[in-house]
Amino acid sequence: MKESISPKLITEILPGSAAEEAEIEPGDKIISINGVGISDVFDYRYLISDEVLNIEIEKASGEIWEIEIEKDSCEDPGFIFETSLMDTPNTCKNKCVFCFMDQLAPGTRKTLHFKDDDYRLSFIEGNYVTLTNIDDEELERIVFFKLSPINISVHTTNPELRIKMMNNPKAGQIIKQIRKLVCEGITVNCQIVLCKGINDGAELERTIKDLASFHPMLKSISVVPVGLTKYREDCAKLEGFDKKSCIEVINQIRHLQEKFLEVHNSRIVYLADEFYLKAGVKMPAYNHYEDFPQIENGVGMAALFKNEFNNYLKRLKYIMNKNRKVSVVTGKAAKEILQVLVSKLITKEPNLDVHIYSIENNFFGPEITVAGLVTGSDIIDQLKGKILGEEILIPQIMLKHDQDIFLDDVLLSEVERALNVKVRKVSNDGKSFINALLGI
């Protein structure tokens, strides 16, 4: 185990816990448990599995206490720390040609520019990591703590090309690293950010086949199109995917999916919804995505949403007894899907009047069409003076996960004041959307 960089600050003690009985207090710091320093939450969880804990504490006064706690092996001693990780996240040392963080608008909040590449956050929060910023000891640590699954940003299995795309000489070891993990019982999900003329075509085929060879320990592969904002002056020259090139990718992946389904009883590889939307072709059916292994990566979100919407609509008993007019705000990509679904609801509830506004992304640039990157300033600029009804509905994903603030630092309350209308944030599921439309 790694030595602790610093003692871990306790911010809260659970009432009735062993820690409270031992008179440990918020503001105290844990130096070690059973003589071992703590680098992060995984060390901590491993160490507290013992029934007797000899804890070295640094009191707020600076005194050092040694405290013994006896507990059941599965019992939590009752400490709450500053962060769930109990450590500073590891930063990304790559300089990827497609990095979205390098394309953020000037003046966006500093936290948006922080690039983590931490295998621990991959396990805790589902983040994708490149494995270029870890050594053999940390790879062994993943295995030791059984941190499974790990989500990996691969992009290409061609060693020379991966080094070039990531501008990191350590990037060429990805197949060796994945083999190590899967052979030790760690499952993985992989992501490919597809860049036109770089890792597409034959390179994409090679990458997918290389990764699929690790199935079933490799659970899934997602292919997502590179996101290009208008702030690329100092970035590599990249071309976005148009309708024609999206159709080519769809056909290529469909061929591979059919082969994998026949051999492995799973499609293994899935395309982000954006490819189908840009191509203007019918989205795959709900069962195409099997157990939706990469839903948080924008893969199958439309199919899941439509399924939830239609199932709830069939069971809906609510009847509106008054007229209701609302507006829905979304990105350009989702407008057509929402129009079809809303029309079904209006057929059942004719007193409902809905206007769907797709927002042109002037903040990041017109290539960005997803709802999650719509900003408050664009909503204000494009809806000012419009008849908006009783309230505006926006998807929760437009806002910071723990705060009602858009990516451009505009507050939800500022949008409400500017447009003089209530704005309701809606969870990204079909049932919540219907209830919000009906005012339930």
Protein backbone atom coordinates (compact mmCIF):
# COMPACT_ATOMS: atom_id res chain seq x y z
CA MET A 1 0.00 0.00 0.00
CA LYS A 2 1.07 3.57 -0.60
CA GLU A 3 2.02 5.70 2.35
CA SER A 4 -0.48 8.39 3.17
CA ILE A 5 0.44 11.78 1.78
CA SER A 6 -1.29 13.43 4.72
CA PRO A 7 -3.61 12.55 7.60
CA LYS A 8 -7.28 12.33 6.59
CA LEU A 9 -9.55 15.04 7.98
CA ILE A 10 -12.73 13.84 9.65
CA THR A 11 -15.66 16.17 8.89
CA GLU A 12 -18.45 14.26 10.64
CA ILE A 13 -18.98 11.44 13.12
CA LEU A 14 -22.03 9.20 12.79
CA PRO A 15 -24.26 9.28 15.90
CA GLY A 16 -24.11 6.11 17.97
CA SER A 17 -21.02 4.84 16.16
CA ALA A 18 -17.87 3.33 17.61
CA ALA A 19 -16.03 6.51 16.65
CA GLU A 20 -18.43 8.61 18.73
CA GLU A 21 -18.03 6.28 21.72
CA ALA A 22 -14.25 6.69 21.40
CA GLU A 23 -14.71 10.50 21.63
CA ILE A 24 -13.26 11.12 18.19
CA GLU A 25 -14.56 14.45 16.87
CA PRO A 26 -15.02 16.35 13.60
CA GLY A 27 -11.80 18.23 12.92
CA ASP A 28 -9.63 15.33 14.07
CA LYS A 29 -7.40 13.60 11.52
CA ILE A 30 -6.62 9.92 11.07
CA ILE A 31 -2.88 9.31 10.70
CA SER A 32 -3.00 5.52 10.45
CA ILE A 33 -5.10 2.43 11.13
CA ASN A 34 -3.29 -0.59 12.56
CA GLY A 35 -0.02 1.11 11.73
CA VAL A 36 -0.80 1.66 8.06
CA GLY A 37 -1.23 5.09 6.47
CA ILE A 38 -4.26 5.79 4.29
CA SER A 39 -3.85 7.03 0.73
CA ASP A 40 -7.52 6.87 -0.29
CA VAL A 41 -10.93 5.34 0.37
CA PHE A 42 -9.86 1.90 -0.83
CA ASP A 43 -7.06 1.68 1.72
CA TYR A 44 -9.53 2.90 4.34
CA ARG A 45 -12.24 0.35 3.49
CA TYR A 46 -9.72 -2.46 3.45
CA LEU A 47 -8.23 -1.49 6.81
CA ILE A 48 -11.54 -1.05 8.67
CA SER A 49 -12.57 -4.62 7.84
CA ASP A 50 -10.56 -5.74 10.89
CA GLU A 51 -12.51 -6.22 14.11
CA VAL A 52 -9.93 -4.40 16.25
CA LEU A 53 -8.73 -1.02 14.98
CA ASN A 54 -5.73 0.72 16.53
CA ILE A 55 -6.23 4.25 15.23
CA GLU A 56 -3.63 7.01 15.46
CA ILE A 57 -5.44 10.34 15.66
CA GLU A 58 -4.16 13.89 15.36
CA LYS A 59 -6.49 16.06 17.41
CA ALA A 60 -7.43 19.55 16.31
CA SER A 61 -5.19 20.78 19.16
CA GLY A 62 -2.21 18.97 17.64
CA GLU A 63 -2.15 16.20 20.24
CA ILE A 64 -1.59 12.65 19.00
CA TRP A 65 -3.96 10.03 20.41
CA GLU A 66 -3.84 6.27 20.01
CA ILE A 67 -7.33 4.79 20.23
CA GLU A 68 -8.49 1.20 20.07
CA ILE A 69 -11.92 0.44 18.61
CA GLU A 70 -13.56 -2.97 18.69
CA LYS A 71 -16.39 -3.67 16.25
CA ASP A 72 -17.89 -6.31 13.97
CA SER A 73 -15.94 -6.91 10.75
CA CYS A 74 -18.76 -5.49 8.61
CA GLU A 75 -19.51 -2.54 10.91
CA ASP A 76 -18.64 1.01 9.83
CA PRO A 77 -16.68 2.78 12.58
CA GLY A 78 -18.56 6.01 11.81
CA PHE A 79 -16.13 8.40 10.12
CA ILE A 80 -17.17 10.83 7.38
CA PHE A 81 -14.41 12.53 5.37
CA GLU A 82 -14.06 15.60 3.14
CA THR A 83 -14.53 13.69 -0.13
CA SER A 84 -15.67 10.23 -1.15
CA LEU A 85 -12.23 9.56 -2.65
CA MET A 86 -10.32 10.76 0.47
CA ASP A 87 -7.60 12.00 -1.86
CA THR A 88 -6.93 14.48 -4.65
CA PRO A 89 -7.94 13.03 -8.04
CA ASN A 90 -5.12 12.23 -10.46
CA THR A 91 -4.95 14.69 -13.34
CA CYS A 92 -4.73 13.79 -17.01
CA LYS A 93 -1.27 14.11 -18.53
CA ASN A 94 -2.43 13.46 -22.10
CA LYS A 95 -2.86 16.09 -24.76
CA CYS A 96 -5.45 14.32 -26.89
CA VAL A 97 -6.13 15.77 -30.32
CA PHE A 98 -9.90 15.56 -29.64
CA CYS A 99 -9.99 16.71 -26.01
CA PHE A 100 -13.25 18.54 -25.31
CA MET A 101 -11.78 20.33 -22.28
CA ASP A 102 -9.28 22.10 -24.55
CA GLN A 103 -12.22 23.52 -26.53
CA LEU A 104 -14.11 25.18 -23.69
CA ALA A 105 -15.12 28.80 -24.02
CA PRO A 106 -12.97 31.43 -22.29
CA GLY A 107 -14.37 32.41 -18.93
CA THR A 108 -16.10 29.11 -18.11
CA ARG A 109 -15.70 28.09 -14.47
CA LYS A 110 -12.35 26.61 -13.48
CA THR A 111 -13.83 23.30 -12.32
CA LEU A 112 -14.89 22.55 -15.90
CA HIS A 113 -11.27 22.71 -17.01
CA PHE A 114 -10.07 20.11 -14.51
CA LYS A 115 -9.19 16.92 -16.40
CA ASP A 116 -9.10 13.83 -14.21
CA ASP A 117 -7.70 10.51 -15.34
CA ASP A 118 -8.15 8.50 -12.17
CA TYR A 119 -8.93 4.77 -12.15
CA ARG A 120 -10.48 5.17 -8.70
CA LEU A 121 -13.10 7.58 -10.06
CA SER A 122 -13.76 5.15 -12.88
CA PHE A 123 -14.85 2.61 -10.28
CA ILE A 124 -16.65 5.06 -7.96
CA GLU A 125 -18.35 7.37 -10.47
CA GLY A 126 -18.10 5.57 -13.81
CA ASN A 127 -15.58 8.01 -15.33
CA TYR A 128 -13.51 6.88 -18.30
CA VAL A 129 -9.75 6.60 -17.87
CA THR A 130 -6.96 6.13 -20.40
CA LEU A 131 -4.58 4.09 -18.17
CA THR A 132 -1.71 6.18 -19.59
CA ASN A 133 -1.15 7.90 -16.26
CA ILE A 134 -0.72 4.84 -14.02
CA ASP A 135 2.23 2.57 -13.32
CA ASP A 136 2.39 -1.18 -12.75
CA GLU A 137 1.88 -0.72 -9.00
CA GLU A 138 -1.42 1.08 -9.57
CA LEU A 139 -2.52 -1.55 -12.08
CA GLU A 140 -1.87 -4.16 -9.40
CA ARG A 141 -3.88 -2.04 -6.99
CA ILE A 142 -6.93 -2.25 -9.27
CA VAL A 143 -6.59 -6.03 -9.16
CA PHE A 144 -5.91 -6.19 -5.40
CA PHE A 145 -9.01 -4.18 -4.50
CA LYS A 146 -11.07 -5.85 -7.26
CA LEU A 147 -12.14 -2.49 -8.72
CA SER A 148 -14.50 -3.90 -11.32
CA PRO A 149 -15.70 -2.72 -13.75
CA ILE A 150 -13.18 -0.17 -15.01
CA ASN A 151 -14.24 2.13 -17.87
CA ILE A 152 -11.40 2.72 -20.33
CA SER A 153 -10.98 5.34 -23.05
CA VAL A 154 -9.20 3.36 -25.76
CA HIS A 155 -9.83 5.20 -29.07
CA THR A 156 -7.46 2.90 -30.93
CA THR A 157 -5.48 -0.28 -30.22
CA ASN A 158 -2.83 0.68 -32.79
CA PRO A 159 0.11 1.55 -30.47
CA GLU A 160 1.70 4.18 -32.73
CA LEU A 161 -1.63 5.81 -33.53
CA ARG A 162 -2.72 5.88 -29.86
CA ILE A 163 0.56 7.57 -28.88
CA LYS A 164 -0.03 10.13 -31.63
CA MET A 165 -3.69 10.75 -30.76
CA MET A 166 -2.96 11.18 -27.05
CA ASN A 167 0.44 12.82 -27.36
CA ASN A 168 1.69 10.50 -24.63
CA PRO A 169 4.54 8.00 -25.17
CA LYS A 170 2.97 5.67 -22.57
CA ALA A 171 -0.24 5.29 -24.59
CA GLY A 172 0.92 2.32 -26.66
CA GLN A 173 0.54 -0.26 -23.87
CA ILE A 174 -3.27 -0.39 -23.82
CA ILE A 175 -3.74 -3.99 -25.03
CA LYS A 176 -1.16 -5.23 -22.53
CA GLN A 177 -2.93 -3.33 -19.73
CA ILE A 178 -6.39 -4.58 -20.65
CA ARG A 179 -5.11 -8.15 -20.92
CA LYS A 180 -3.63 -7.85 -17.42
CA LEU A 181 -6.93 -6.62 -15.99
CA VAL A 182 -9.23 -9.16 -17.62
CA CYS A 183 -6.90 -12.07 -16.85
CA GLU A 184 -7.06 -11.04 -13.19
CA GLY A 185 -10.89 -11.00 -13.19
CA ILE A 186 -11.54 -7.28 -13.76
CA THR A 187 -14.35 -6.50 -16.21
CA VAL A 188 -13.99 -3.51 -18.50
CA ASN A 189 -16.10 -1.24 -20.68
CA CYS A 190 -14.31 0.62 -23.46
CA GLN A 191 -14.93 3.87 -25.30
CA ILE A 192 -13.77 5.03 -28.72
CA VAL A 193 -13.96 8.74 -29.55
CA LEU A 194 -14.11 8.57 -33.32
CA CYS A 195 -12.15 11.16 -35.30
CA LYS A 196 -12.76 11.33 -39.03
CA GLY A 197 -9.72 10.33 -41.08
CA ILE A 198 -7.72 9.31 -38.00
CA ASN A 199 -9.10 6.28 -36.14
CA ASP A 200 -12.11 5.47 -38.33
CA GLY A 201 -12.45 3.03 -41.23
CA ALA A 202 -9.95 0.15 -41.10
CA GLU A 203 -8.45 1.46 -37.84
CA LEU A 204 -11.87 1.38 -36.19
CA GLU A 205 -12.43 -2.19 -37.38
CA ARG A 206 -9.05 -3.27 -36.01
CA THR A 207 -9.72 -1.62 -32.64
CA ILE A 208 -13.16 -3.16 -32.21
CA LYS A 209 -11.98 -6.65 -33.15
CA ASP A 210 -8.96 -6.38 -30.84
CA LEU A 211 -11.16 -5.35 -27.93
CA ALA A 212 -13.94 -7.85 -28.68
CA SER A 213 -11.37 -10.64 -28.34
CA PHE A 214 -11.50 -9.98 -24.57
CA HIS A 215 -15.23 -10.72 -24.37
CA PRO A 216 -16.92 -11.66 -22.02
CA MET A 217 -14.60 -9.88 -19.54
CA LEU A 218 -14.92 -6.92 -21.88
CA LYS A 219 -18.60 -6.09 -21.45
CA SER A 220 -19.11 -3.38 -24.05
CA ILE A 221 -17.56 -0.92 -26.48
CA SER A 222 -19.08 2.45 -27.29
CA VAL A 223 -18.24 4.55 -30.33
CA VAL A 224 -18.97 8.26 -29.93
CA PRO A 225 -18.34 11.05 -32.47
CA VAL A 226 -15.73 13.65 -31.64
CA GLY A 227 -17.28 16.81 -30.19
CA LEU A 228 -16.06 20.00 -31.86
CA THR A 229 -16.72 23.47 -30.43
CA LYS A 230 -15.91 26.78 -32.08
CA TYR A 231 -12.97 27.31 -29.71
CA ARG A 232 -10.34 25.25 -31.55
CA GLU A 233 -7.78 27.87 -32.57
CA ASP A 234 -4.91 26.07 -30.83
CA CYS A 235 -6.21 22.54 -31.39
CA ALA A 236 -5.55 19.91 -34.03
CA LYS A 237 -7.52 20.27 -37.26
CA LEU A 238 -10.44 17.85 -37.10
CA GLU A 239 -13.53 17.39 -39.23
CA GLY A 240 -16.95 16.64 -37.80
CA PHE A 241 -19.24 13.82 -38.94
CA ASP A 242 -21.91 14.76 -41.47
CA LYS A 243 -24.91 12.72 -42.61
CA LYS A 244 -22.95 10.71 -45.20
CA SER A 245 -20.08 9.80 -42.90
CA CYS A 246 -22.50 8.91 -40.07
CA ILE A 247 -24.30 6.47 -42.36
CA GLU A 248 -20.95 4.89 -43.28
CA VAL A 249 -20.12 4.38 -39.60
CA ILE A 250 -23.58 2.97 -38.87
CA ASN A 251 -23.26 0.42 -41.68
CA GLN A 252 -19.75 -0.58 -40.59
CA ILE A 253 -20.82 -1.10 -36.97
CA ARG A 254 -24.02 -2.93 -37.93
CA HIS A 255 -21.95 -5.48 -39.84
CA LEU A 256 -19.74 -6.09 -36.79
CA GLN A 257 -22.74 -6.26 -34.45
CA GLU A 258 -24.33 -8.98 -36.58
CA LYS A 259 -21.14 -11.06 -36.47
CA PHE A 260 -20.69 -10.62 -32.72
CA LEU A 261 -24.34 -11.44 -32.03
CA GLU A 262 -23.95 -14.70 -33.92
CA VAL A 263 -20.68 -15.69 -32.24
CA HIS A 264 -20.97 -14.16 -28.75
CA ASN A 265 -24.74 -13.73 -28.35
CA SER A 266 -24.08 -10.03 -27.76
CA ARG A 267 -23.56 -7.06 -30.04
CA ILE A 268 -20.68 -5.91 -27.81
CA VAL A 269 -20.20 -2.63 -29.70
CA TYR A 270 -22.76 0.21 -29.72
CA LEU A 271 -22.98 3.61 -31.35
CA ALA A 272 -23.83 6.85 -29.58
CA ASP A 273 -27.33 8.10 -30.40
CA GLU A 274 -25.78 11.12 -32.10
CA PHE A 275 -24.70 9.04 -35.12
CA TYR A 276 -28.29 7.99 -35.87
CA LEU A 277 -29.69 11.46 -35.25
CA LYS A 278 -27.15 13.12 -37.55
CA ALA A 279 -27.67 10.44 -40.20
CA GLY A 280 -31.42 10.97 -40.08
CA VAL A 281 -32.04 7.22 -39.88
CA LYS A 282 -34.35 5.29 -37.58
CA MET A 283 -32.98 4.71 -34.11
CA PRO A 284 -32.36 1.09 -33.08
CA ALA A 285 -35.09 -0.61 -31.06
CA TYR A 286 -35.03 -0.88 -27.28
CA ASN A 287 -33.75 -4.48 -27.23
CA HIS A 288 -30.82 -3.54 -29.51
CA TYR A 289 -29.00 -2.17 -26.46
CA GLU A 290 -29.37 -5.38 -24.42
CA ASP A 291 -28.73 -4.29 -20.81
CA PHE A 292 -27.79 -0.68 -21.76
CA PRO A 293 -24.16 -1.01 -20.62
CA GLN A 294 -23.17 2.52 -21.68
CA ILE A 295 -26.32 4.58 -21.16
CA GLU A 296 -24.36 7.34 -19.38
CA ASN A 297 -22.19 7.68 -22.48
CA GLY A 298 -25.14 8.73 -24.63
CA VAL A 299 -25.61 5.21 -26.00
CA GLY A 300 -29.25 4.11 -26.12
CA MET A 301 -30.63 7.10 -24.22
CA ALA A 302 -33.24 7.82 -26.89
CA ALA A 303 -34.43 4.20 -27.05
CA LEU A 304 -34.70 3.95 -23.27
CA PHE A 305 -36.50 7.30 -23.00
CA LYS A 306 -38.99 6.36 -25.72
CA ASN A 307 -39.66 3.01 -24.08
CA GLU A 308 -40.27 4.61 -20.68
CA PHE A 309 -42.49 7.27 -22.24
CA ASN A 310 -44.64 4.83 -24.22
CA ASN A 311 -45.03 2.35 -21.35
CA TYR A 312 -46.09 5.05 -18.91
CA LEU A 313 -48.43 6.63 -21.46
CA LYS A 314 -50.25 3.28 -21.88
CA ARG A 315 -50.90 3.10 -18.13
CA LEU A 316 -51.71 6.77 -17.66
CA LYS A 317 -55.11 7.34 -16.02
CA TYR A 318 -54.75 11.07 -15.39
CA ILE A 319 -57.22 13.29 -17.24
CA MET A 320 -56.63 17.04 -17.58
CA ASN A 321 -59.73 19.11 -16.87
CA LYS A 322 -58.23 22.46 -17.87
CA ASN A 323 -56.05 23.88 -20.63
CA ARG A 324 -52.30 23.85 -20.03
CA LYS A 325 -49.61 25.47 -22.18
CA VAL A 326 -45.91 24.74 -21.63
CA SER A 327 -42.62 24.98 -23.50
CA VAL A 328 -39.92 22.34 -23.74
CA VAL A 329 -36.28 23.30 -24.26
CA THR A 330 -33.81 20.84 -25.78
CA GLY A 331 -30.83 20.60 -28.09
CA LYS A 332 -31.26 20.33 -31.84
CA ALA A 333 -30.51 16.60 -31.87
CA ALA A 334 -33.50 15.56 -29.76
CA LYS A 335 -36.23 17.85 -31.15
CA GLU A 336 -37.74 15.40 -33.65
CA ILE A 337 -37.89 12.55 -31.12
CA LEU A 338 -39.64 14.77 -28.57
CA GLN A 339 -42.11 16.05 -31.16
CA VAL A 340 -43.23 12.51 -31.99
CA LEU A 341 -43.64 11.57 -28.32
CA VAL A 342 -45.42 14.77 -27.32
CA SER A 343 -47.89 14.39 -30.19
CA LYS A 344 -48.88 10.98 -28.75
CA LEU A 345 -49.57 12.56 -25.37
CA ILE A 346 -51.58 15.40 -26.90
CA THR A 347 -53.76 12.86 -28.73
CA LYS A 348 -54.66 11.49 -25.31
CA GLU A 349 -54.75 14.89 -23.58
CA PRO A 350 -56.06 17.45 -26.11
CA ASN A 351 -56.15 20.22 -23.49
CA LEU A 352 -52.35 20.21 -23.50
CA ASP A 353 -50.50 22.72 -25.70
CA VAL A 354 -46.72 22.15 -26.01
CA HIS A 355 -44.14 24.13 -27.92
CA ILE A 356 -40.73 22.49 -28.34
CA TYR A 357 -37.78 24.85 -28.75
CA SER A 358 -34.49 23.44 -29.99
CA ILE A 359 -31.67 25.76 -28.98
CA GLU A 360 -28.90 26.61 -31.42
CA ASN A 361 -25.67 26.25 -29.45
CA ASN A 362 -24.06 29.63 -30.01
CA PHE A 363 -21.99 29.29 -26.86
CA PHE A 364 -20.00 26.22 -27.98
CA GLY A 365 -20.78 26.37 -31.70
CA PRO A 366 -23.33 24.85 -34.12
CA GLU A 367 -21.61 21.44 -34.23
CA ILE A 368 -22.76 20.86 -30.63
CA THR A 369 -26.37 19.67 -30.74
CA VAL A 370 -26.90 17.65 -27.55
CA ALA A 371 -29.21 18.90 -24.81
CA GLY A 372 -26.66 18.45 -22.03
CA LEU A 373 -24.46 21.23 -23.45
CA VAL A 374 -27.20 23.85 -23.91
CA THR A 375 -26.38 26.97 -21.88
CA GLY A 376 -28.48 29.44 -19.95
CA SER A 377 -27.36 32.41 -22.03
CA ASP A 378 -28.45 30.72 -25.27
CA ILE A 379 -31.84 29.88 -23.76
CA ILE A 380 -32.35 33.50 -22.71
CA ASP A 381 -31.19 34.95 -26.05
CA GLN A 382 -33.35 32.63 -28.17
CA LEU A 383 -36.53 32.57 -26.07
CA LYS A 384 -36.78 36.22 -25.05
CA GLY A 385 -40.05 37.67 -26.29
CA LYS A 386 -41.52 34.26 -27.12
CA ILE A 387 -44.86 33.06 -25.72
CA LEU A 388 -43.73 30.36 -23.33
CA GLY A 389 -46.87 29.35 -21.45
CA GLU A 390 -47.08 28.47 -17.77
CA GLU A 391 -43.55 27.13 -17.50
CA ILE A 392 -40.49 25.93 -19.37
CA LEU A 393 -39.32 22.34 -18.99
CA ILE A 394 -35.60 21.62 -19.27
CA PRO A 395 -33.76 18.31 -18.81
CA GLN A 396 -31.84 17.97 -15.55
CA ILE A 397 -28.65 17.19 -17.52
CA MET A 398 -28.38 20.85 -18.58
CA LEU A 399 -27.50 21.74 -14.99
CA LYS A 400 -24.59 20.99 -12.68
CA HIS A 401 -25.36 17.77 -10.83
CA ASP A 402 -25.41 19.43 -7.39
CA GLN A 403 -26.43 22.99 -8.26
CA ASP A 404 -28.98 24.81 -10.44
CA ILE A 405 -26.40 26.36 -12.73
CA PHE A 406 -25.72 25.97 -16.46
CA LEU A 407 -22.31 25.36 -18.07
CA ASP A 408 -21.90 29.09 -18.75
CA ASP A 409 -22.39 29.89 -15.04
CA VAL A 410 -25.89 31.27 -15.62
CA LEU A 411 -28.20 30.36 -12.75
CA LEU A 412 -31.58 28.74 -13.30
CA SER A 413 -33.11 31.62 -11.35
CA GLU A 414 -31.49 34.10 -13.77
CA VAL A 415 -33.19 32.39 -16.72
CA GLU A 416 -36.52 32.58 -14.87
CA ARG A 417 -36.09 36.30 -14.22
CA ALA A 418 -34.95 37.07 -17.77
CA LEU A 419 -37.87 35.20 -19.38
CA ASN A 420 -40.41 35.95 -16.63
CA VAL A 421 -41.53 32.34 -16.45
CA LYS A 422 -40.98 29.39 -14.13
CA VAL A 423 -38.38 26.88 -15.31
CA ARG A 424 -38.84 23.27 -14.20
CA LYS A 425 -35.93 20.80 -14.36
CA VAL A 426 -37.02 17.32 -15.36
CA SER A 427 -35.28 14.00 -14.72
CA ASN A 428 -34.18 12.25 -17.89
CA ASP A 429 -36.82 9.53 -17.97
CA GLY A 430 -40.09 9.18 -19.86
CA LYS A 431 -42.37 9.06 -16.83
CA SER A 432 -40.98 12.26 -15.33
CA PHE A 433 -41.30 14.00 -18.69
CA ILE A 434 -44.99 13.11 -19.04
CA ASN A 435 -45.73 14.17 -15.48
CA ALA A 436 -43.95 17.47 -16.01
CA LEU A 437 -45.85 18.13 -19.25
CA LEU A 438 -49.13 17.51 -17.44
CA GLY A 439 -48.13 19.59 -14.44
CA ILE A 440 -48.32 16.64 -12.06
